[in-house]
Amino acid sequence: MRIGELAARAGVTAKALRHYERVGLVVPERTESGYRDYSASALGRIGFILAGQRVGLSLRELRGILELRDRGHAPCAHALDLVDQRLREIEERLASLSAMRRGRKVP
């Protein structure tokens, strides 16, 4: 499918898809005339990227997960470690904000 169709189906812009391509998250085929041609699996890949961003993972972290998967490795443990790390960071931030709200010094 072409970039416009994938963008519409995934709920992102064509500009975002081009950015994902630049940073190595998606790699479309090219037609003889040079148009990007995405496989049907690209839609699921974009969905994974968007879900990862919603939980706070960076594009770099998501690229690492996808590279593991693309090499045939199960990235589950790595992905869970990243999500756990992000959760710890959020919990620390919440504790810091709560302490500020109560007027206490924050370390």
PDB file of N, CA and C in Angstrom:
ATOM      1  N   MET A   1       0.853  -1.178   0.000  1.00  0.00           N
ATOM      2  CA  MET A   1       0.000   0.000   0.000  1.00  0.00           C
ATOM      3  C   MET A   1       0.890   1.229   0.000  1.00  0.00           C
ATOM      4  N   ARG A   2       0.382   2.285  -0.539  1.00  0.00           N
ATOM      5  CA  ARG A   2       1.146   3.535  -0.629  1.00  0.00           C
ATOM      6  C   ARG A   2       1.107   4.273   0.697  1.00  0.00           C
ATOM      7  N   ILE A   3       1.970   5.272   0.821  1.00  0.00           N
ATOM      8  CA  ILE A   3       2.149   5.988   2.075  1.00  0.00           C
ATOM      9  C   ILE A   3       0.858   6.658   2.550  1.00  0.00           C
ATOM     10  N   GLY A   4       0.091   7.250   1.643  1.00  0.00           N
ATOM     11  CA  GLY A   4      -1.147   7.927   2.024  1.00  0.00           C
ATOM     12  C   GLY A   4      -2.174   6.970   2.606  1.00  0.00           C
ATOM     13  N   GLU A   5      -2.272   5.794   1.993  1.00  0.00           N
ATOM     14  CA  GLU A   5      -3.227   4.798   2.483  1.00  0.00           C
ATOM     15  C   GLU A   5      -2.815   4.279   3.865  1.00  0.00           C
ATOM     16  N   LEU A   6      -1.516   3.982   4.030  1.00  0.00           N
ATOM     17  CA  LEU A   6      -1.045   3.502   5.331  1.00  0.00           C
ATOM     18  C   LEU A   6      -1.242   4.578   6.396  1.00  0.00           C
ATOM     19  N   ALA A   7      -0.931   5.808   6.053  1.00  0.00           N
ATOM     20  CA  ALA A   7      -1.103   6.900   7.017  1.00  0.00           C
ATOM     21  C   ALA A   7      -2.555   7.000   7.460  1.00  0.00           C
ATOM     22  N   ALA A   8      -3.474   6.948   6.516  1.00  0.00           N
ATOM     23  CA  ALA A   8      -4.898   7.051   6.846  1.00  0.00           C
ATOM     24  C   ALA A   8      -5.352   5.873   7.696  1.00  0.00           C
ATOM     25  N   ARG A   9      -4.937   4.675   7.337  1.00  0.00           N
ATOM     26  CA  ARG A   9      -5.360   3.485   8.086  1.00  0.00           C
ATOM     27  C   ARG A   9      -4.751   3.425   9.484  1.00  0.00           C
ATOM     28  N   ALA A  10      -3.519   3.954   9.617  1.00  0.00           N
ATOM     29  CA  ALA A  10      -2.836   3.901  10.914  1.00  0.00           C
ATOM     30  C   ALA A  10      -3.151   5.104  11.796  1.00  0.00           C
ATOM     31  N   GLY A  11      -3.753   6.136  11.200  1.00  0.00           N
ATOM     32  CA  GLY A  11      -4.081   7.331  11.978  1.00  0.00           C
ATOM     33  C   GLY A  11      -2.875   8.218  12.251  1.00  0.00           C
ATOM     34  N   VAL A  12      -1.918   8.213  11.340  1.00  0.00           N
ATOM     35  CA  VAL A  12      -0.744   9.081  11.447  1.00  0.00           C
ATOM     36  C   VAL A  12      -0.611   9.863  10.148  1.00  0.00           C
ATOM     37  N   THR A  13       0.335  10.766  10.121  1.00  0.00           N
ATOM     38  CA  THR A  13       0.558  11.533   8.900  1.00  0.00           C
ATOM     39  C   THR A  13       1.626  10.850   8.044  1.00  0.00           C
ATOM     40  N   ALA A  14       1.623  11.196   6.767  1.00  0.00           N
ATOM     41  CA  ALA A  14       2.666  10.693   5.872  1.00  0.00           C
ATOM     42  C   ALA A  14       4.027  11.204   6.338  1.00  0.00           C
ATOM     43  N   LYS A  15       4.045  12.405   6.886  1.00  0.00           N
ATOM     44  CA  LYS A  15       5.296  12.969   7.403  1.00  0.00           C
ATOM     45  C   LYS A  15       5.837  12.095   8.537  1.00  0.00           C
ATOM     46  N   ALA A  16       4.959  11.615   9.413  1.00  0.00           N
ATOM     47  CA  ALA A  16       5.384  10.734  10.504  1.00  0.00           C
ATOM     48  C   ALA A  16       5.949   9.436   9.943  1.00  0.00           C
ATOM     49  N   LEU A  17       5.324   8.887   8.924  1.00  0.00           N
ATOM     50  CA  LEU A  17       5.820   7.647   8.322  1.00  0.00           C
ATOM     51  C   LEU A  17       7.194   7.847   7.697  1.00  0.00           C
ATOM     52  N   ARG A  18       7.396   8.986   7.044  1.00  0.00           N
ATOM     53  CA  ARG A  18       8.714   9.270   6.478  1.00  0.00           C
ATOM     54  C   ARG A  18       9.754   9.401   7.587  1.00  0.00           C
ATOM     55  N   HIS A  19       9.362   9.996   8.721  1.00  0.00           N
ATOM     56  CA  HIS A  19      10.272  10.104   9.861  1.00  0.00           C
ATOM     57  C   HIS A  19      10.598   8.713  10.410  1.00  0.00           C
ATOM     58  N   TYR A  20       9.599   7.868  10.564  1.00  0.00           N
ATOM     59  CA  TYR A  20       9.825   6.503  11.036  1.00  0.00           C
ATOM     60  C   TYR A  20      10.784   5.768  10.095  1.00  0.00           C
ATOM     61  N   GLU A  21      10.668   6.026   8.813  1.00  0.00           N
ATOM     62  CA  GLU A  21      11.584   5.412   7.854  1.00  0.00           C
ATOM     63  C   GLU A  21      13.003   5.942   8.058  1.00  0.00           C
ATOM     64  N   ARG A  22      13.152   7.249   8.239  1.00  0.00           N
ATOM     65  CA  ARG A  22      14.477   7.850   8.439  1.00  0.00           C
ATOM     66  C   ARG A  22      15.188   7.291   9.664  1.00  0.00           C
ATOM     67  N   VAL A  23      14.429   7.028  10.732  1.00  0.00           N
ATOM     68  CA  VAL A  23      15.055   6.532  11.966  1.00  0.00           C
ATOM     69  C   VAL A  23      15.092   5.003  12.029  1.00  0.00           C
ATOM     70  N   GLY A  24      14.689   4.339  10.965  1.00  0.00           N
ATOM     71  CA  GLY A  24      14.831   2.899  10.868  1.00  0.00           C
ATOM     72  C   GLY A  24      13.733   2.057  11.488  1.00  0.00           C
ATOM     73  N   LEU A  25      12.571   2.639  11.697  1.00  0.00           N
ATOM     74  CA  LEU A  25      11.470   1.878  12.289  1.00  0.00           C
ATOM     75  C   LEU A  25      10.663   1.113  11.252  1.00  0.00           C
ATOM     76  N   VAL A  26      10.531   1.659  10.079  1.00  0.00           N
ATOM     77  CA  VAL A  26       9.829   0.978   8.984  1.00  0.00           C
ATOM     78  C   VAL A  26      10.689   1.082   7.725  1.00  0.00           C
ATOM     79  N   VAL A  27      10.641   0.043   6.930  1.00  0.00           N
ATOM     80  CA  VAL A  27      11.425   0.028   5.693  1.00  0.00           C
ATOM     81  C   VAL A  27      10.507  -0.423   4.564  1.00  0.00           C
ATOM     82  N   PRO A  28       9.988   0.541   3.814  1.00  0.00           N
ATOM     83  CA  PRO A  28       9.102   0.157   2.712  1.00  0.00           C
ATOM     84  C   PRO A  28       9.901  -0.329   1.505  1.00  0.00           C
ATOM     85  N   GLU A  29       9.242  -1.089   0.688  1.00  0.00           N
ATOM     86  CA  GLU A  29       9.803  -1.419  -0.621  1.00  0.00           C
ATOM     87  C   GLU A  29       9.627  -0.175  -1.485  1.00  0.00           C
ATOM     88  N   ARG A  30      10.253  -0.160  -2.621  1.00  0.00           N
ATOM     89  CA  ARG A  30      10.078   0.939  -3.573  1.00  0.00           C
ATOM     90  C   ARG A  30       9.593   0.369  -4.907  1.00  0.00           C
ATOM     91  N   THR A  31       8.635   1.076  -5.486  1.00  0.00           N
ATOM     92  CA  THR A  31       8.166   0.672  -6.810  1.00  0.00           C
ATOM     93  C   THR A  31       9.210   1.090  -7.835  1.00  0.00           C
ATOM     94  N   GLU A  32       9.052   0.646  -9.062  1.00  0.00           N
ATOM     95  CA  GLU A  32       9.984   1.030 -10.124  1.00  0.00           C
ATOM     96  C   GLU A  32      10.029   2.540 -10.303  1.00  0.00           C
ATOM     97  N   SER A  33       8.921   3.203 -10.031  1.00  0.00           N
ATOM     98  CA  SER A  33       8.875   4.656 -10.182  1.00  0.00           C
ATOM     99  C   SER A  33       9.303   5.384  -8.899  1.00  0.00           C
ATOM    100  N   GLY A  34       9.721   4.633  -7.866  1.00  0.00           N
ATOM    101  CA  GLY A  34      10.254   5.243  -6.658  1.00  0.00           C
ATOM    102  C   GLY A  34       9.264   5.486  -5.538  1.00  0.00           C
ATOM    103  N   TYR A  35       7.998   5.114  -5.736  1.00  0.00           N
ATOM    104  CA  TYR A  35       7.013   5.304  -4.667  1.00  0.00           C
ATOM    105  C   TYR A  35       7.237   4.291  -3.545  1.00  0.00           C
ATOM    106  N   ARG A  36       6.977   4.728  -2.325  1.00  0.00           N
ATOM    107  CA  ARG A  36       7.039   3.803  -1.190  1.00  0.00           C
ATOM    108  C   ARG A  36       5.872   2.825  -1.301  1.00  0.00           C
ATOM    109  N   ASP A  37       6.164   1.561  -1.026  1.00  0.00           N
ATOM    110  CA  ASP A  37       5.144   0.525  -1.084  1.00  0.00           C
ATOM    111  C   ASP A  37       5.254  -0.294   0.199  1.00  0.00           C
ATOM    112  N   TYR A  38       4.266  -0.145   1.074  1.00  0.00           N
ATOM    113  CA  TYR A  38       4.285  -0.798   2.382  1.00  0.00           C
ATOM    114  C   TYR A  38       3.511  -2.103   2.338  1.00  0.00           C
ATOM    115  N   SER A  39       4.018  -3.094   3.041  1.00  0.00           N
ATOM    116  CA  SER A  39       3.309  -4.373   3.136  1.00  0.00           C
ATOM    117  C   SER A  39       2.164  -4.227   4.134  1.00  0.00           C
ATOM    118  N   ALA A  40       1.274  -5.199   4.138  1.00  0.00           N
ATOM    119  CA  ALA A  40       0.148  -5.168   5.074  1.00  0.00           C
ATOM    120  C   ALA A  40       0.635  -5.225   6.522  1.00  0.00           C
ATOM    121  N   SER A  41       1.790  -5.847   6.762  1.00  0.00           N
ATOM    122  CA  SER A  41       2.308  -5.954   8.129  1.00  0.00           C
ATOM    123  C   SER A  41       2.771  -4.602   8.682  1.00  0.00           C
ATOM    124  N   ALA A  42       2.984  -3.638   7.808  1.00  0.00           N
ATOM    125  CA  ALA A  42       3.423  -2.306   8.262  1.00  0.00           C
ATOM    126  C   ALA A  42       2.372  -1.663   9.159  1.00  0.00           C
ATOM    127  N   LEU A  43       1.106  -1.961   8.928  1.00  0.00           N
ATOM    128  CA  LEU A  43       0.039  -1.387   9.749  1.00  0.00           C
ATOM    129  C   LEU A  43       0.181  -1.840  11.208  1.00  0.00           C
ATOM    130  N   GLY A  44       0.437  -3.116  11.415  1.00  0.00           N
ATOM    131  CA  GLY A  44       0.652  -3.627  12.768  1.00  0.00           C
ATOM    132  C   GLY A  44       1.907  -3.048  13.395  1.00  0.00           C
ATOM    133  N   ARG A  45       2.938  -2.868  12.591  1.00  0.00           N
ATOM    134  CA  ARG A  45       4.194  -2.296  13.077  1.00  0.00           C
ATOM    135  C   ARG A  45       3.985  -0.859  13.540  1.00  0.00           C
ATOM    136  N   ILE A  46       3.228  -0.089  12.771  1.00  0.00           N
ATOM    137  CA  ILE A  46       2.928   1.299  13.156  1.00  0.00           C
ATOM    138  C   ILE A  46       2.091   1.300  14.430  1.00  0.00           C
ATOM    139  N   GLY A  47       1.145   0.384  14.532  1.00  0.00           N
ATOM    140  CA  GLY A  47       0.345   0.270  15.756  1.00  0.00           C
ATOM    141  C   GLY A  47       1.217  -0.009  16.968  1.00  0.00           C
ATOM    142  N   PHE A  48       2.210  -0.878  16.806  1.00  0.00           N
ATOM    143  CA  PHE A  48       3.135  -1.176  17.901  1.00  0.00           C
ATOM    144  C   PHE A  48       3.936   0.070  18.280  1.00  0.00           C
ATOM    145  N   ILE A  49       4.402   0.803  17.296  1.00  0.00           N
ATOM    146  CA  ILE A  49       5.171   2.031  17.551  1.00  0.00           C
ATOM    147  C   ILE A  49       4.325   3.034  18.330  1.00  0.00           C
ATOM    148  N   LEU A  50       3.091   3.226  17.898  1.00  0.00           N
ATOM    149  CA  LEU A  50       2.209   4.180  18.576  1.00  0.00           C
ATOM    150  C   LEU A  50       1.904   3.745  20.004  1.00  0.00           C
ATOM    151  N   ALA A  51       1.679   2.449  20.199  1.00  0.00           N
ATOM    152  CA  ALA A  51       1.415   1.941  21.556  1.00  0.00           C
ATOM    153  C   ALA A  51       2.644   2.124  22.438  1.00  0.00           C
ATOM    154  N   GLY A  52       3.812   1.869  21.889  1.00  0.00           N
ATOM    155  CA  GLY A  52       5.045   2.058  22.644  1.00  0.00           C
ATOM    156  C   GLY A  52       5.263   3.507  23.039  1.00  0.00           C
ATOM    157  N   GLN A  53       4.957   4.402  22.129  1.00  0.00           N
ATOM    158  CA  GLN A  53       5.085   5.828  22.450  1.00  0.00           C
ATOM    159  C   GLN A  53       4.105   6.229  23.545  1.00  0.00           C
ATOM    160  N   ARG A  54       2.907   5.663  23.531  1.00  0.00           N
ATOM    161  CA  ARG A  54       1.914   5.997  24.553  1.00  0.00           C
ATOM    162  C   ARG A  54       2.367   5.600  25.953  1.00  0.00           C
ATOM    163  N   VAL A  55       3.166   4.532  26.057  1.00  0.00           N
ATOM    164  CA  VAL A  55       3.661   4.134  27.379  1.00  0.00           C
ATOM    165  C   VAL A  55       4.994   4.780  27.704  1.00  0.00           C
ATOM    166  N   GLY A  56       5.456   5.674  26.834  1.00  0.00           N
ATOM    167  CA  GLY A  56       6.646   6.448  27.138  1.00  0.00           C
ATOM    168  C   GLY A  56       7.948   5.948  26.553  1.00  0.00           C
ATOM    169  N   LEU A  57       7.901   4.961  25.678  1.00  0.00           N
ATOM    170  CA  LEU A  57       9.130   4.483  25.065  1.00  0.00           C
ATOM    171  C   LEU A  57       9.566   5.436  23.959  1.00  0.00           C
ATOM    172  N   SER A  58      10.853   5.624  23.844  1.00  0.00           N
ATOM    173  CA  SER A  58      11.395   6.493  22.797  1.00  0.00           C
ATOM    174  C   SER A  58      11.446   5.731  21.473  1.00  0.00           C
ATOM    175  N   LEU A  59      11.590   6.464  20.393  1.00  0.00           N
ATOM    176  CA  LEU A  59      11.715   5.813  19.091  1.00  0.00           C
ATOM    177  C   LEU A  59      12.974   4.957  19.047  1.00  0.00           C
ATOM    178  N   ARG A  60      14.031   5.393  19.712  1.00  0.00           N
ATOM    179  CA  ARG A  60      15.270   4.612  19.770  1.00  0.00           C
ATOM    180  C   ARG A  60      15.021   3.272  20.485  1.00  0.00           C
ATOM    181  N   GLU A  61      14.304   3.314  21.593  1.00  0.00           N
ATOM    182  CA  GLU A  61      13.986   2.085  22.318  1.00  0.00           C
ATOM    183  C   GLU A  61      13.103   1.166  21.478  1.00  0.00           C
ATOM    184  N   LEU A  62      12.139   1.753  20.805  1.00  0.00           N
ATOM    185  CA  LEU A  62      11.255   0.955  19.954  1.00  0.00           C
ATOM    186  C   LEU A  62      12.025   0.337  18.796  1.00  0.00           C
ATOM    187  N   ARG A  63      12.979   1.085  18.239  1.00  0.00           N
ATOM    188  CA  ARG A  63      13.789   0.541  17.156  1.00  0.00           C
ATOM    189  C   ARG A  63      14.573  -0.684  17.650  1.00  0.00           C
ATOM    190  N   GLY A  64      15.104  -0.609  18.869  1.00  0.00           N
ATOM    191  CA  GLY A  64      15.823  -1.753  19.427  1.00  0.00           C
ATOM    192  C   GLY A  64      14.944  -2.978  19.561  1.00  0.00           C
ATOM    193  N   ILE A  65      13.735  -2.777  20.027  1.00  0.00           N
ATOM    194  CA  ILE A  65      12.786  -3.889  20.162  1.00  0.00           C
ATOM    195  C   ILE A  65      12.477  -4.481  18.789  1.00  0.00           C
ATOM    196  N   LEU A  66      12.188  -3.613  17.829  1.00  0.00           N
ATOM    197  CA  LEU A  66      11.840  -4.084  16.490  1.00  0.00           C
ATOM    198  C   LEU A  66      13.020  -4.765  15.806  1.00  0.00           C
ATOM    199  N   GLU A  67      14.233  -4.293  16.045  1.00  0.00           N
ATOM    200  CA  GLU A  67      15.413  -4.934  15.455  1.00  0.00           C
ATOM    201  C   GLU A  67      15.592  -6.346  15.996  1.00  0.00           C
ATOM    202  N   LEU A  68      15.363  -6.522  17.303  1.00  0.00           N
ATOM    203  CA  LEU A  68      15.433  -7.870  17.871  1.00  0.00           C
ATOM    204  C   LEU A  68      14.421  -8.784  17.194  1.00  0.00           C
ATOM    205  N   ARG A  69      13.192  -8.285  17.072  1.00  0.00           N
ATOM    206  CA  ARG A  69      12.134  -9.091  16.451  1.00  0.00           C
ATOM    207  C   ARG A  69      12.462  -9.404  14.990  1.00  0.00           C
ATOM    208  N   ASP A  70      12.985  -8.401  14.279  1.00  0.00           N
ATOM    209  CA  ASP A  70      13.305  -8.598  12.865  1.00  0.00           C
ATOM    210  C   ASP A  70      14.423  -9.617  12.663  1.00  0.00           C
ATOM    211  N   ARG A  71      15.297  -9.772  13.661  1.00  0.00           N
ATOM    212  CA  ARG A  71      16.384 -10.764  13.587  1.00  0.00           C
ATOM    213  C   ARG A  71      15.915 -12.143  14.053  1.00  0.00           C
ATOM    214  N   GLY A  72      14.626 -12.266  14.389  1.00  0.00           N
ATOM    215  CA  GLY A  72      14.076 -13.556  14.770  1.00  0.00           C
ATOM    216  C   GLY A  72      14.127 -13.857  16.252  1.00  0.00           C
ATOM    217  N   HIS A  73      14.485 -12.863  17.068  1.00  0.00           N
ATOM    218  CA  HIS A  73      14.534 -13.054  18.518  1.00  0.00           C
ATOM    219  C   HIS A  73      13.234 -12.559  19.143  1.00  0.00           C
ATOM    220  N   ALA A  74      12.844 -13.174  20.225  1.00  0.00           N
ATOM    221  CA  ALA A  74      11.662 -12.718  20.961  1.00  0.00           C
ATOM    222  C   ALA A  74      12.074 -11.527  21.830  1.00  0.00           C
ATOM    223  N   PRO A  75      11.545 -10.341  21.540  1.00  0.00           N
ATOM    224  CA  PRO A  75      11.957  -9.146  22.283  1.00  0.00           C
ATOM    225  C   PRO A  75      11.178  -8.914  23.568  1.00  0.00           C
ATOM    226  N   CYS A  76      10.380  -9.878  23.985  1.00  0.00           N
ATOM    227  CA  CYS A  76       9.468  -9.671  25.113  1.00  0.00           C
ATOM    228  C   CYS A  76      10.195  -9.248  26.387  1.00  0.00           C
ATOM    229  N   ALA A  77      11.258  -9.954  26.763  1.00  0.00           N
ATOM    230  CA  ALA A  77      11.971  -9.626  28.007  1.00  0.00           C
ATOM    231  C   ALA A  77      12.566  -8.230  27.914  1.00  0.00           C
ATOM    232  N   HIS A  78      13.154  -7.914  26.784  1.00  0.00           N
ATOM    233  CA  HIS A  78      13.737  -6.579  26.593  1.00  0.00           C
ATOM    234  C   HIS A  78      12.660  -5.496  26.673  1.00  0.00           C
ATOM    235  N   ALA A  79      11.543  -5.724  26.022  1.00  0.00           N
ATOM    236  CA  ALA A  79      10.448  -4.747  26.041  1.00  0.00           C
ATOM    237  C   ALA A  79       9.907  -4.575  27.456  1.00  0.00           C
ATOM    238  N   LEU A  80       9.731  -5.676  28.183  1.00  0.00           N
ATOM    239  CA  LEU A  80       9.241  -5.589  29.555  1.00  0.00           C
ATOM    240  C   LEU A  80      10.218  -4.843  30.453  1.00  0.00           C
ATOM    241  N   ASP A  81      11.514  -5.072  30.260  1.00  0.00           N
ATOM    242  CA  ASP A  81      12.525  -4.335  31.034  1.00  0.00           C
ATOM    243  C   ASP A  81      12.405  -2.834  30.784  1.00  0.00           C
ATOM    244  N   LEU A  82      12.231  -2.449  29.518  1.00  0.00           N
ATOM    245  CA  LEU A  82      12.105  -1.034  29.191  1.00  0.00           C
ATOM    246  C   LEU A  82      10.846  -0.425  29.807  1.00  0.00           C
ATOM    247  N   VAL A  83       9.746  -1.154  29.742  1.00  0.00           N
ATOM    248  CA  VAL A  83       8.489  -0.655  30.312  1.00  0.00           C
ATOM    249  C   VAL A  83       8.607  -0.557  31.830  1.00  0.00           C
ATOM    250  N   ASP A  84       9.234  -1.559  32.462  1.00  0.00           N
ATOM    251  CA  ASP A  84       9.442  -1.501  33.916  1.00  0.00           C
ATOM    252  C   ASP A  84      10.307  -0.313  34.305  1.00  0.00           C
ATOM    253  N   GLN A  85      11.349  -0.074  33.522  1.00  0.00           N
ATOM    254  CA  GLN A  85      12.222   1.075  33.781  1.00  0.00           C
ATOM    255  C   GLN A  85      11.430   2.380  33.665  1.00  0.00           C
ATOM    256  N   ARG A  86      10.616   2.478  32.631  1.00  0.00           N
ATOM    257  CA  ARG A  86       9.813   3.687  32.428  1.00  0.00           C
ATOM    258  C   ARG A  86       8.841   3.863  33.586  1.00  0.00           C
ATOM    259  N   LEU A  87       8.257   2.783  34.058  1.00  0.00           N
ATOM    260  CA  LEU A  87       7.332   2.840  35.187  1.00  0.00           C
ATOM    261  C   LEU A  87       8.042   3.329  36.447  1.00  0.00           C
ATOM    262  N   ARG A  88       9.246   2.828  36.693  1.00  0.00           N
ATOM    263  CA  ARG A  88      10.014   3.298  37.856  1.00  0.00           C
ATOM    264  C   ARG A  88      10.297   4.795  37.751  1.00  0.00           C
ATOM    265  N   GLU A  89      10.643   5.257  36.557  1.00  0.00           N
ATOM    266  CA  GLU A  89      10.907   6.689  36.359  1.00  0.00           C
ATOM    267  C   GLU A  89       9.650   7.515  36.631  1.00  0.00           C
ATOM    268  N   ILE A  90       8.517   7.026  36.174  1.00  0.00           N
ATOM    269  CA  ILE A  90       7.253   7.733  36.398  1.00  0.00           C
ATOM    270  C   ILE A  90       6.914   7.758  37.879  1.00  0.00           C
ATOM    271  N   GLU A  91       7.101   6.631  38.550  1.00  0.00           N
ATOM    272  CA  GLU A  91       6.821   6.574  39.985  1.00  0.00           C
ATOM    273  C   GLU A  91       7.723   7.528  40.763  1.00  0.00           C
ATOM    274  N   GLU A  92       8.993   7.621  40.386  1.00  0.00           N
ATOM    275  CA  GLU A  92       9.913   8.554  41.029  1.00  0.00           C
ATOM    276  C   GLU A  92       9.463   9.995  40.794  1.00  0.00           C
ATOM    277  N   ARG A  93       9.049  10.264  39.585  1.00  0.00           N
ATOM    278  CA  ARG A  93       8.576  11.616  39.246  1.00  0.00           C
ATOM    279  C   ARG A  93       7.320  11.957  40.046  1.00  0.00           C
ATOM    280  N   LEU A  94       6.399  11.010  40.151  1.00  0.00           N
ATOM    281  CA  LEU A  94       5.183  11.236  40.942  1.00  0.00           C
ATOM    282  C   LEU A  94       5.516  11.490  42.410  1.00  0.00           C
ATOM    283  N   ALA A  95       6.446  10.721  42.964  1.00  0.00           N
ATOM    284  CA  ALA A  95       6.849  10.920  44.355  1.00  0.00           C
ATOM    285  C   ALA A  95       7.452  12.306  44.536  1.00  0.00           C
ATOM    286  N   SER A  96       8.259  12.726  43.590  1.00  0.00           N
ATOM    287  CA  SER A  96       8.878  14.045  43.644  1.00  0.00           C
ATOM    288  C   SER A  96       7.823  15.147  43.582  1.00  0.00           C
ATOM    289  N   LEU A  97       6.871  14.997  42.693  1.00  0.00           N
ATOM    290  CA  LEU A  97       5.804  15.993  42.567  1.00  0.00           C
ATOM    291  C   LEU A  97       4.923  16.022  43.806  1.00  0.00           C
ATOM    292  N   SER A  98       4.628  14.854  44.357  1.00  0.00           N
ATOM    293  CA  SER A  98       3.822  14.804  45.585  1.00  0.00           C
ATOM    294  C   SER A  98       4.547  15.489  46.734  1.00  0.00           C
ATOM    295  N   ALA A  99       5.857  15.270  46.830  1.00  0.00           N
ATOM    296  CA  ALA A  99       6.643  15.920  47.886  1.00  0.00           C
ATOM    297  C   ALA A  99       6.626  17.435  47.706  1.00  0.00           C
ATOM    298  N   MET A 100       6.739  17.889  46.466  1.00  0.00           N
ATOM    299  CA  MET A 100       6.683  19.336  46.216  1.00  0.00           C
ATOM    300  C   MET A 100       5.331  19.900  46.608  1.00  0.00           C
ATOM    301  N   ARG A 101       4.299  19.159  46.307  1.00  0.00           N
ATOM    302  CA  ARG A 101       2.944  19.619  46.647  1.00  0.00           C
ATOM    303  C   ARG A 101       2.802  19.768  48.161  1.00  0.00           C
ATOM    304  N   ARG A 102       3.392  18.855  48.890  1.00  0.00           N
ATOM    305  CA  ARG A 102       3.323  18.920  50.360  1.00  0.00           C
ATOM    306  C   ARG A 102       4.314  19.933  50.932  1.00  0.00           C
ATOM    307  N   GLY A 103       5.134  20.533  50.089  1.00  0.00           N
ATOM    308  CA  GLY A 103       6.070  21.562  50.539  1.00  0.00           C
ATOM    309  C   GLY A 103       7.366  21.044  51.124  1.00  0.00           C
ATOM    310  N   ARG A 104       7.640  19.773  50.905  1.00  0.00           N
ATOM    311  CA  ARG A 104       8.884  19.206  51.409  1.00  0.00           C
ATOM    312  C   ARG A 104       9.986  19.368  50.384  1.00  0.00           C
ATOM    313  N   LYS A 105      11.205  19.331  50.867  1.00  0.00           N
ATOM    314  CA  LYS A 105      12.352  19.367  49.975  1.00  0.00           C
ATOM    315  C   LYS A 105      12.431  18.041  49.222  1.00  0.00           C
ATOM    316  N   VAL A 106      12.872  18.141  48.002  1.00  0.00           N
ATOM    317  CA  VAL A 106      13.034  16.959  47.166  1.00  0.00           C
ATOM    318  C   VAL A 106      14.523  16.693  47.010  1.00  0.00           C
ATOM    319  N   PRO A 107      14.955  15.434  47.218  1.00  0.00           N
ATOM    320  CA  PRO A 107      16.399  15.143  47.097  1.00  0.00           C
ATOM    321  C   PRO A 107      16.908  15.372  45.711  1.00  0.00           C
TER     322      PRO A 107
END
